[in-house]
Protein backbone atom coordinates (compact mmCIF):
# COMPACT_ATOMS: atom_id res chain seq x y z
CA MET A 1 -1.34 -14.78 17.16
CA ARG A 2 -4.25 -14.65 14.71
CA GLY A 3 -3.71 -16.51 11.46
CA THR A 4 -0.56 -16.53 9.41
CA LYS A 5 1.54 -13.42 9.05
CA LEU A 6 1.61 -12.08 5.50
CA LYS A 7 5.21 -11.70 4.36
CA ALA A 8 6.85 -9.63 1.65
CA TRP A 9 7.90 -11.45 -1.48
CA ARG A 10 11.66 -11.81 -1.71
CA VAL A 11 12.67 -10.83 -5.22
CA PRO A 12 14.81 -13.60 -6.75
CA PRO A 13 18.23 -12.60 -8.14
CA VAL A 14 17.21 -13.74 -11.63
CA TRP A 15 14.44 -11.08 -11.61
CA LYS A 16 16.82 -8.12 -11.99
CA PHE A 17 19.08 -10.13 -14.28
CA LEU A 18 16.18 -10.77 -16.68
CA GLN A 19 14.84 -7.21 -16.41
CA THR A 20 18.17 -5.71 -17.41
CA GLY A 21 18.48 -8.09 -20.35
CA GLY A 22 21.59 -9.61 -18.80
CA ALA A 23 20.65 -13.10 -19.98
CA THR A 24 20.86 -13.25 -23.75
CA ALA A 25 22.56 -16.54 -24.51
CA ALA A 26 21.17 -20.00 -23.88
CA PRO A 27 21.87 -23.42 -25.35
CA ASP A 28 19.88 -24.13 -28.52
CA ASN A 29 17.73 -26.84 -26.95
CA SER A 30 17.01 -24.95 -23.69
CA LYS A 31 13.71 -23.25 -23.03
CA VAL A 32 14.69 -22.03 -19.54
CA LEU A 33 15.42 -18.42 -20.48
CA GLN A 34 12.22 -18.11 -22.53
CA ARG A 35 10.10 -19.58 -19.71
CA GLN A 36 11.78 -17.38 -17.11
CA ARG A 37 10.93 -14.28 -19.15
CA GLN A 38 7.31 -15.43 -19.38
CA LEU A 39 7.25 -16.05 -15.64
CA LEU A 40 8.73 -12.60 -15.02
CA THR A 41 6.04 -10.97 -17.15
CA ALA A 42 3.21 -12.90 -15.45
CA THR A 43 4.62 -12.26 -11.97
CA GLN A 44 4.99 -8.53 -12.69
CA ALA A 45 1.35 -8.40 -13.85
CA ALA A 46 0.16 -10.16 -10.67
CA LEU A 47 2.28 -7.87 -8.49
CA ASN A 48 0.89 -4.79 -10.26
CA ALA A 49 -2.67 -6.06 -9.68
CA VAL A 50 -2.02 -6.59 -5.95
CA TYR A 51 -0.45 -3.12 -5.72
CA ALA A 52 -3.39 -1.50 -7.56
CA ASP A 53 -5.91 -3.09 -5.18
CA VAL A 54 -3.93 -2.09 -2.07
CA ARG A 55 -3.50 1.46 -3.37
CA THR A 56 -7.19 1.80 -4.20
CA GLY A 57 -8.19 0.48 -0.78
CA LEU A 58 -5.91 2.90 1.04
CA LEU A 59 -7.03 5.89 -1.02
CA GLU A 60 -10.74 5.09 -0.61
CA THR A 61 -10.65 4.49 3.13
CA VAL A 62 -7.98 6.77 4.61
CA GLY A 63 -6.94 8.91 1.66
CA ILE A 64 -3.31 7.78 1.88
CA ASP A 65 -1.43 7.09 -1.34
CA CYS A 66 1.41 4.63 -1.74
CA THR A 67 4.04 3.60 -4.26
CA LEU A 68 5.25 0.17 -5.31
CA ALA A 69 8.76 -0.80 -4.20
CA VAL A 70 10.38 -3.82 -5.83
CA GLU A 71 13.81 -4.06 -4.33
CA GLU A 72 15.05 -6.99 -2.24
CA PHE A 73 11.50 -7.36 -0.94
CA CYS A 74 8.23 -6.20 -2.48
CA SER A 75 6.20 -3.62 -0.61
CA VAL A 76 4.03 -0.58 -0.87
CA VAL A 77 5.57 2.57 0.59
CA LEU A 78 2.99 4.67 2.43
CA GLU A 79 3.02 8.40 1.72
CA LEU A 80 2.59 9.76 5.24
CA SER A 81 3.18 13.30 6.44
CA ALA A 82 6.68 14.23 7.61
CA GLU A 83 5.67 14.58 11.26
CA THR A 84 4.32 11.00 11.45
CA ASP A 85 6.04 8.58 13.82
CA THR A 86 6.77 6.04 11.08
CA GLU A 87 8.43 3.54 13.44
CA LEU A 88 5.25 3.39 15.52
CA VAL A 89 3.06 2.98 12.43
CA ALA A 90 5.29 0.23 10.99
CA ARG A 91 5.38 -1.69 14.29
CA ALA A 92 1.60 -1.43 14.70
CA ILE A 93 0.93 -2.73 11.18
CA ASP A 94 3.45 -5.52 11.76
CA LEU A 95 1.51 -6.53 14.89
CA GLU A 96 -1.61 -6.89 12.71
CA ASN A 97 -0.06 -9.94 10.97
CA VAL A 98 1.15 -8.03 7.91
CA GLU A 99 4.90 -7.58 7.70
CA ALA A 100 5.83 -3.89 7.83
CA TRP A 101 9.08 -2.02 8.37
CA CYS A 102 10.77 1.36 7.99
CA ASP A 103 13.29 1.69 5.19
CA THR A 104 16.55 3.63 5.37
CA GLN A 105 14.68 6.88 4.59
CA GLY A 106 12.23 6.29 7.47
CA ARG A 107 9.26 5.50 5.20
CA VAL A 108 6.73 2.83 6.14
CA ASN A 109 6.84 -0.25 3.88
CA VAL A 110 3.97 -2.73 3.97
CA ALA A 111 4.59 -6.18 2.54
CA ILE A 112 2.95 -7.33 -0.66
CA ASN A 113 3.38 -10.50 -2.61
CA PRO A 114 2.30 -11.49 -6.13
CA TRP A 115 0.96 -14.73 -4.65
CA TYR A 116 -1.48 -13.02 -2.26
CA SER A 117 -5.08 -14.15 -2.53
CA THR A 118 -7.83 -11.53 -2.60
CA LYS A 119 -8.35 -12.29 1.11
CA ASP A 120 -4.66 -11.52 1.75
CA VAL A 121 -4.95 -8.25 -0.18
CA ASP A 122 -7.99 -7.30 1.93
CA GLN A 123 -6.10 -8.15 5.14
CA THR A 124 -3.17 -6.00 4.01
CA VAL A 125 -5.42 -3.02 3.32
CA LEU A 126 -7.52 -3.43 6.46
CA SER A 127 -4.48 -3.79 8.72
CA ALA A 128 -2.89 -0.61 7.36
CA VAL A 129 -6.20 1.26 7.41
CA LYS A 130 -6.92 0.23 11.00
CA VAL A 131 -3.53 1.45 12.20
CA ILE A 132 -3.66 4.70 10.21
CA HIS A 133 -7.20 5.41 11.39
CA VAL A 134 -6.52 4.66 15.06
CA LEU A 135 -3.02 6.12 15.42
CA LEU A 136 -3.30 9.08 13.06
CA GLY A 137 -7.06 9.71 13.09
CA ILE A 138 -7.16 9.97 9.31
CA HIS A 139 -10.28 9.30 7.21
CA ALA A 140 -10.65 9.56 3.45
CA THR A 141 -13.41 12.10 3.90
CA ASP A 142 -10.93 14.38 5.68
CA ASN A 143 -8.94 14.73 2.48
CA PRO A 144 -10.62 16.91 -0.19
CA LYS A 145 -8.72 15.09 -2.97
CA THR A 146 -10.36 11.75 -2.13
CA GLN A 147 -13.90 13.01 -1.54
CA ASN A 148 -16.62 12.30 -4.04
CA LEU A 149 -19.22 14.98 -4.82
CA LYS A 150 -21.66 13.76 -2.16
CA GLN A 151 -18.95 13.79 0.52
CA LYS A 152 -17.84 17.28 -0.51
CA LEU A 153 -21.41 18.62 -0.32
CA LEU A 154 -22.00 17.05 3.10
CA SER A 155 -18.68 18.39 4.33
CA SER A 156 -19.57 21.88 3.07
CA VAL A 157 -23.03 21.78 4.69
CA ALA A 158 -21.50 20.65 7.99
CA GLU A 159 -18.96 23.47 7.82
CA VAL A 160 -21.67 26.08 7.10
CA LEU A 161 -23.78 24.79 10.02
CA SER A 162 -20.76 24.92 12.30
CA ILE A 163 -20.03 28.51 11.28
CA GLN A 164 -23.69 29.47 11.84
CA LYS A 165 -23.60 27.97 15.34
CA GLY A 166 -20.46 29.94 16.14
CA VAL A 167 -22.04 33.18 14.93
CA LYS A 168 -25.20 32.57 17.01
CA ARG A 169 -23.13 31.93 20.14
CA ARG A 170 -21.25 35.20 19.75
CA LYS A 171 -24.46 37.26 19.53
């Protein structure tokens, strides 16, 4: 086993309690509730930053989008096509030392954690990208939505050359 497996952050019960505003009363001399709200805000900001980096990495390299899931565990949910074998993809990512699983709807969840270092974020992206690239054969340049102008022009030129070759062969 290479390195330490990156695990999903388990959302503490107080997280949802604070988000819903369930905690409103505290003893006069207690600062716990105030500090917990500050911690919640800071943790949410860190989690959003990790998610944004993972999403950007996936879009730039394989053209796959994802959404943030903060339920019992934190993860990004990959937006794969309906015909994808999600169990296979989840198991393969999990074998790359990044926790991954299929949820009840059969979608691939890849673990994220607000305490990930930038190296951990890179490992998360690279593990998912490697599996998606190898198992599904997907590249960002295959998806017109994720291509920049240069990639679109090169793709168009390659397509025109391919069509010309086909026409020459038929003559």
